[in-house]
Amino acid sequence: MAEPHSFRSNGQETIEVEEDGHLRSVTINGREHLKLYLIIKGNQVS
């Protein structure tokens, strides 16, 4: 089951959705940013 987590930082709303312990999507101010978010966090993107 997907678990959304929402938070605000520097005036931006970020919603992260995790499913089975894996980050499935990141939405910042209503726009999808998963690959960019993973690169910033230092994770590999396939």
PDB file of N, CA and C in Angstrom:
ATOM      1  N   MET A   1       0.843  -1.188   0.000  1.00  0.00           N
ATOM      2  CA  MET A   1       0.000   0.000   0.000  1.00  0.00           C
ATOM      3  C   MET A   1       0.887   1.251   0.000  1.00  0.00           C
ATOM      4  N   ALA A   2       0.564   2.211  -0.841  1.00  0.00           N
ATOM      5  CA  ALA A   2       1.340   3.446  -0.947  1.00  0.00           C
ATOM      6  C   ALA A   2       1.104   4.328   0.264  1.00  0.00           C
ATOM      7  N   GLU A   3       2.197   4.917   0.757  1.00  0.00           N
ATOM      8  CA  GLU A   3       2.129   5.796   1.919  1.00  0.00           C
ATOM      9  C   GLU A   3       2.648   7.183   1.542  1.00  0.00           C
ATOM     10  N   PRO A   4       1.754   8.176   1.354  1.00  0.00           N
ATOM     11  CA  PRO A   4       2.228   9.525   1.027  1.00  0.00           C
ATOM     12  C   PRO A   4       2.686  10.278   2.277  1.00  0.00           C
ATOM     13  N   HIS A   5       3.773  11.020   2.138  1.00  0.00           N
ATOM     14  CA  HIS A   5       4.286  11.882   3.199  1.00  0.00           C
ATOM     15  C   HIS A   5       4.414  13.280   2.605  1.00  0.00           C
ATOM     16  N   SER A   6       3.812  14.254   3.260  1.00  0.00           N
ATOM     17  CA  SER A   6       3.817  15.616   2.757  1.00  0.00           C
ATOM     18  C   SER A   6       4.515  16.527   3.758  1.00  0.00           C
ATOM     19  N   PHE A   7       5.351  17.443   3.224  1.00  0.00           N
ATOM     20  CA  PHE A   7       5.989  18.421   4.089  1.00  0.00           C
ATOM     21  C   PHE A   7       6.282  19.687   3.301  1.00  0.00           C
ATOM     22  N   ARG A   8       6.488  20.783   4.033  1.00  0.00           N
ATOM     23  CA  ARG A   8       6.817  22.080   3.433  1.00  0.00           C
ATOM     24  C   ARG A   8       8.201  22.507   3.876  1.00  0.00           C
ATOM     25  N   SER A   9       8.974  23.026   2.938  1.00  0.00           N
ATOM     26  CA  SER A   9      10.308  23.521   3.237  1.00  0.00           C
ATOM     27  C   SER A   9      10.622  24.636   2.251  1.00  0.00           C
ATOM     28  N   ASN A  10      11.083  25.766   2.749  1.00  0.00           N
ATOM     29  CA  ASN A  10      11.434  26.909   1.899  1.00  0.00           C
ATOM     30  C   ASN A  10      10.302  27.298   0.950  1.00  0.00           C
ATOM     31  N   GLY A  11       9.062  27.199   1.428  1.00  0.00           N
ATOM     32  CA  GLY A  11       7.917  27.594   0.614  1.00  0.00           C
ATOM     33  C   GLY A  11       7.510  26.586  -0.435  1.00  0.00           C
ATOM     34  N   GLN A  12       8.118  25.392  -0.461  1.00  0.00           N
ATOM     35  CA  GLN A  12       7.760  24.374  -1.433  1.00  0.00           C
ATOM     36  C   GLN A  12       7.083  23.205  -0.731  1.00  0.00           C
ATOM     37  N   GLU A  13       6.001  22.724  -1.331  1.00  0.00           N
ATOM     38  CA  GLU A  13       5.325  21.545  -0.799  1.00  0.00           C
ATOM     39  C   GLU A  13       5.874  20.316  -1.511  1.00  0.00           C
ATOM     40  N   THR A  14       6.332  19.357  -0.741  1.00  0.00           N
ATOM     41  CA  THR A  14       6.870  18.114  -1.290  1.00  0.00           C
ATOM     42  C   THR A  14       6.025  16.957  -0.796  1.00  0.00           C
ATOM     43  N   ILE A  15       5.628  16.097  -1.734  1.00  0.00           N
ATOM     44  CA  ILE A  15       4.882  14.892  -1.380  1.00  0.00           C
ATOM     45  C   ILE A  15       5.684  13.697  -1.883  1.00  0.00           C
ATOM     46  N   GLU A  16       6.080  12.826  -0.952  1.00  0.00           N
ATOM     47  CA  GLU A  16       6.806  11.605  -1.292  1.00  0.00           C
ATOM     48  C   GLU A  16       5.860  10.429  -1.105  1.00  0.00           C
ATOM     49  N   VAL A  17       5.844   9.523  -2.066  1.00  0.00           N
ATOM     50  CA  VAL A  17       5.005   8.331  -1.963  1.00  0.00           C
ATOM     51  C   VAL A  17       5.914   7.110  -1.915  1.00  0.00           C
ATOM     52  N   GLU A  18       5.792   6.353  -0.827  1.00  0.00           N
ATOM     53  CA  GLU A  18       6.563   5.121  -0.664  1.00  0.00           C
ATOM     54  C   GLU A  18       5.628   3.934  -0.758  1.00  0.00           C
ATOM     55  N   GLU A  19       6.132   2.868  -1.399  1.00  0.00           N
ATOM     56  CA  GLU A  19       5.374   1.629  -1.510  1.00  0.00           C
ATOM     57  C   GLU A  19       6.341   0.478  -1.308  1.00  0.00           C
ATOM     58  N   ASP A  20       6.022  -0.407  -0.406  1.00  0.00           N
ATOM     59  CA  ASP A  20       6.877  -1.552  -0.072  1.00  0.00           C
ATOM     60  C   ASP A  20       8.294  -1.116   0.291  1.00  0.00           C
ATOM     61  N   GLY A  21       8.421   0.026   0.971  1.00  0.00           N
ATOM     62  CA  GLY A  21       9.719   0.511   1.410  1.00  0.00           C
ATOM     63  C   GLY A  21      10.544   1.200   0.349  1.00  0.00           C
ATOM     64  N   HIS A  22       9.991   1.390  -0.851  1.00  0.00           N
ATOM     65  CA  HIS A  22      10.705   2.052  -1.942  1.00  0.00           C
ATOM     66  C   HIS A  22      10.014   3.351  -2.313  1.00  0.00           C
ATOM     67  N   LEU A  23      10.803   4.382  -2.567  1.00  0.00           N
ATOM     68  CA  LEU A  23      10.270   5.667  -2.993  1.00  0.00           C
ATOM     69  C   LEU A  23       9.752   5.527  -4.420  1.00  0.00           C
ATOM     70  N   ARG A  24       8.470   5.786  -4.611  1.00  0.00           N
ATOM     71  CA  ARG A  24       7.844   5.603  -5.930  1.00  0.00           C
ATOM     72  C   ARG A  24       7.625   6.915  -6.672  1.00  0.00           C
ATOM     73  N   SER A  25       7.364   7.996  -5.948  1.00  0.00           N
ATOM     74  CA  SER A  25       7.182   9.276  -6.623  1.00  0.00           C
ATOM     75  C   SER A  25       7.488  10.421  -5.671  1.00  0.00           C
ATOM     76  N   VAL A  26       7.928  11.520  -6.260  1.00  0.00           N
ATOM     77  CA  VAL A  26       8.157  12.761  -5.523  1.00  0.00           C
ATOM     78  C   VAL A  26       7.506  13.871  -6.329  1.00  0.00           C
ATOM     79  N   THR A  27       6.608  14.594  -5.683  1.00  0.00           N
ATOM     80  CA  THR A  27       5.937  15.717  -6.327  1.00  0.00           C
ATOM     81  C   THR A  27       6.296  16.975  -5.551  1.00  0.00           C
ATOM     82  N   ILE A  28       6.834  17.970  -6.260  1.00  0.00           N
ATOM     83  CA  ILE A  28       7.191  19.243  -5.647  1.00  0.00           C
ATOM     84  C   ILE A  28       6.355  20.315  -6.312  1.00  0.00           C
ATOM     85  N   ASN A  29       5.548  21.001  -5.498  1.00  0.00           N
ATOM     86  CA  ASN A  29       4.634  22.040  -5.998  1.00  0.00           C
ATOM     87  C   ASN A  29       3.803  21.544  -7.187  1.00  0.00           C
ATOM     88  N   GLY A  30       3.326  20.293  -7.091  1.00  0.00           N
ATOM     89  CA  GLY A  30       2.431  19.751  -8.104  1.00  0.00           C
ATOM     90  C   GLY A  30       3.090  19.159  -9.325  1.00  0.00           C
ATOM     91  N   ARG A  31       4.425  19.126  -9.376  1.00  0.00           N
ATOM     92  CA  ARG A  31       5.130  18.577 -10.540  1.00  0.00           C
ATOM     93  C   ARG A  31       5.972  17.382 -10.124  1.00  0.00           C
ATOM     94  N   GLU A  32       5.961  16.344 -10.946  1.00  0.00           N
ATOM     95  CA  GLU A  32       6.691  15.110 -10.671  1.00  0.00           C
ATOM     96  C   GLU A  32       8.202  15.338 -10.824  1.00  0.00           C
ATOM     97  N   HIS A  33       8.969  14.895  -9.815  1.00  0.00           N
ATOM     98  CA  HIS A  33      10.413  15.127  -9.817  1.00  0.00           C
ATOM     99  C   HIS A  33      11.204  13.951  -9.276  1.00  0.00           C
ATOM    100  N   LEU A  34      10.772  12.717  -9.455  1.00  0.00           N
ATOM    101  CA  LEU A  34      11.430  11.576  -8.823  1.00  0.00           C
ATOM    102  C   LEU A  34      12.889  11.435  -9.248  1.00  0.00           C
ATOM    103  N   LYS A  35      13.185  11.444 -10.538  1.00  0.00           N
ATOM    104  CA  LYS A  35      14.564  11.240 -10.981  1.00  0.00           C
ATOM    105  C   LYS A  35      15.479  12.349 -10.484  1.00  0.00           C
ATOM    106  N   LEU A  36      15.068  13.597 -10.585  1.00  0.00           N
ATOM    107  CA  LEU A  36      15.863  14.719 -10.094  1.00  0.00           C
ATOM    108  C   LEU A  36      16.091  14.597  -8.600  1.00  0.00           C
ATOM    109  N   TYR A  37      15.060  14.233  -7.870  1.00  0.00           N
ATOM    110  CA  TYR A  37      15.144  14.090  -6.411  1.00  0.00           C
ATOM    111  C   TYR A  37      16.151  13.000  -6.038  1.00  0.00           C
ATOM    112  N   LEU A  38      16.124  11.867  -6.743  1.00  0.00           N
ATOM    113  CA  LEU A  38      17.057  10.781  -6.452  1.00  0.00           C
ATOM    114  C   LEU A  38      18.491  11.181  -6.751  1.00  0.00           C
ATOM    115  N   ILE A  39      18.706  11.925  -7.817  1.00  0.00           N
ATOM    116  CA  ILE A  39      20.052  12.397  -8.155  1.00  0.00           C
ATOM    117  C   ILE A  39      20.570  13.338  -7.077  1.00  0.00           C
ATOM    118  N   ILE A  40      19.736  14.257  -6.615  1.00  0.00           N
ATOM    119  CA  ILE A  40      20.124  15.192  -5.568  1.00  0.00           C
ATOM    120  C   ILE A  40      20.466  14.451  -4.288  1.00  0.00           C
ATOM    121  N   LYS A  41      19.707  13.403  -3.981  1.00  0.00           N
ATOM    122  CA  LYS A  41      19.932  12.636  -2.760  1.00  0.00           C
ATOM    123  C   LYS A  41      21.107  11.657  -2.897  1.00  0.00           C
ATOM    124  N   GLY A  42      21.684  11.541  -4.095  1.00  0.00           N
ATOM    125  CA  GLY A  42      22.857  10.690  -4.295  1.00  0.00           C
ATOM    126  C   GLY A  42      22.529   9.238  -4.615  1.00  0.00           C
ATOM    127  N   ASN A  43      21.326   8.968  -5.033  1.00  0.00           N
ATOM    128  CA  ASN A  43      20.940   7.604  -5.414  1.00  0.00           C
ATOM    129  C   ASN A  43      21.036   7.436  -6.918  1.00  0.00           C
ATOM    130  N   GLN A  44      21.224   6.203  -7.357  1.00  0.00           N
ATOM    131  CA  GLN A  44      21.287   5.921  -8.774  1.00  0.00           C
ATOM    132  C   GLN A  44      19.890   5.906  -9.366  1.00  0.00           C
ATOM    133  N   VAL A  45      19.793   6.317 -10.610  1.00  0.00           N
ATOM    134  CA  VAL A  45      18.532   6.315 -11.325  1.00  0.00           C
ATOM    135  C   VAL A  45      18.690   5.376 -12.499  1.00  0.00           C
ATOM    136  N   SER A  46      17.752   4.448 -12.647  1.00  0.00           N
ATOM    137  CA  SER A  46      17.840   3.508 -13.767  1.00  0.00           C
ATOM    138  C   SER A  46      17.095   4.038 -14.975  1.00  0.00           C
TER     139      SER A  46
END
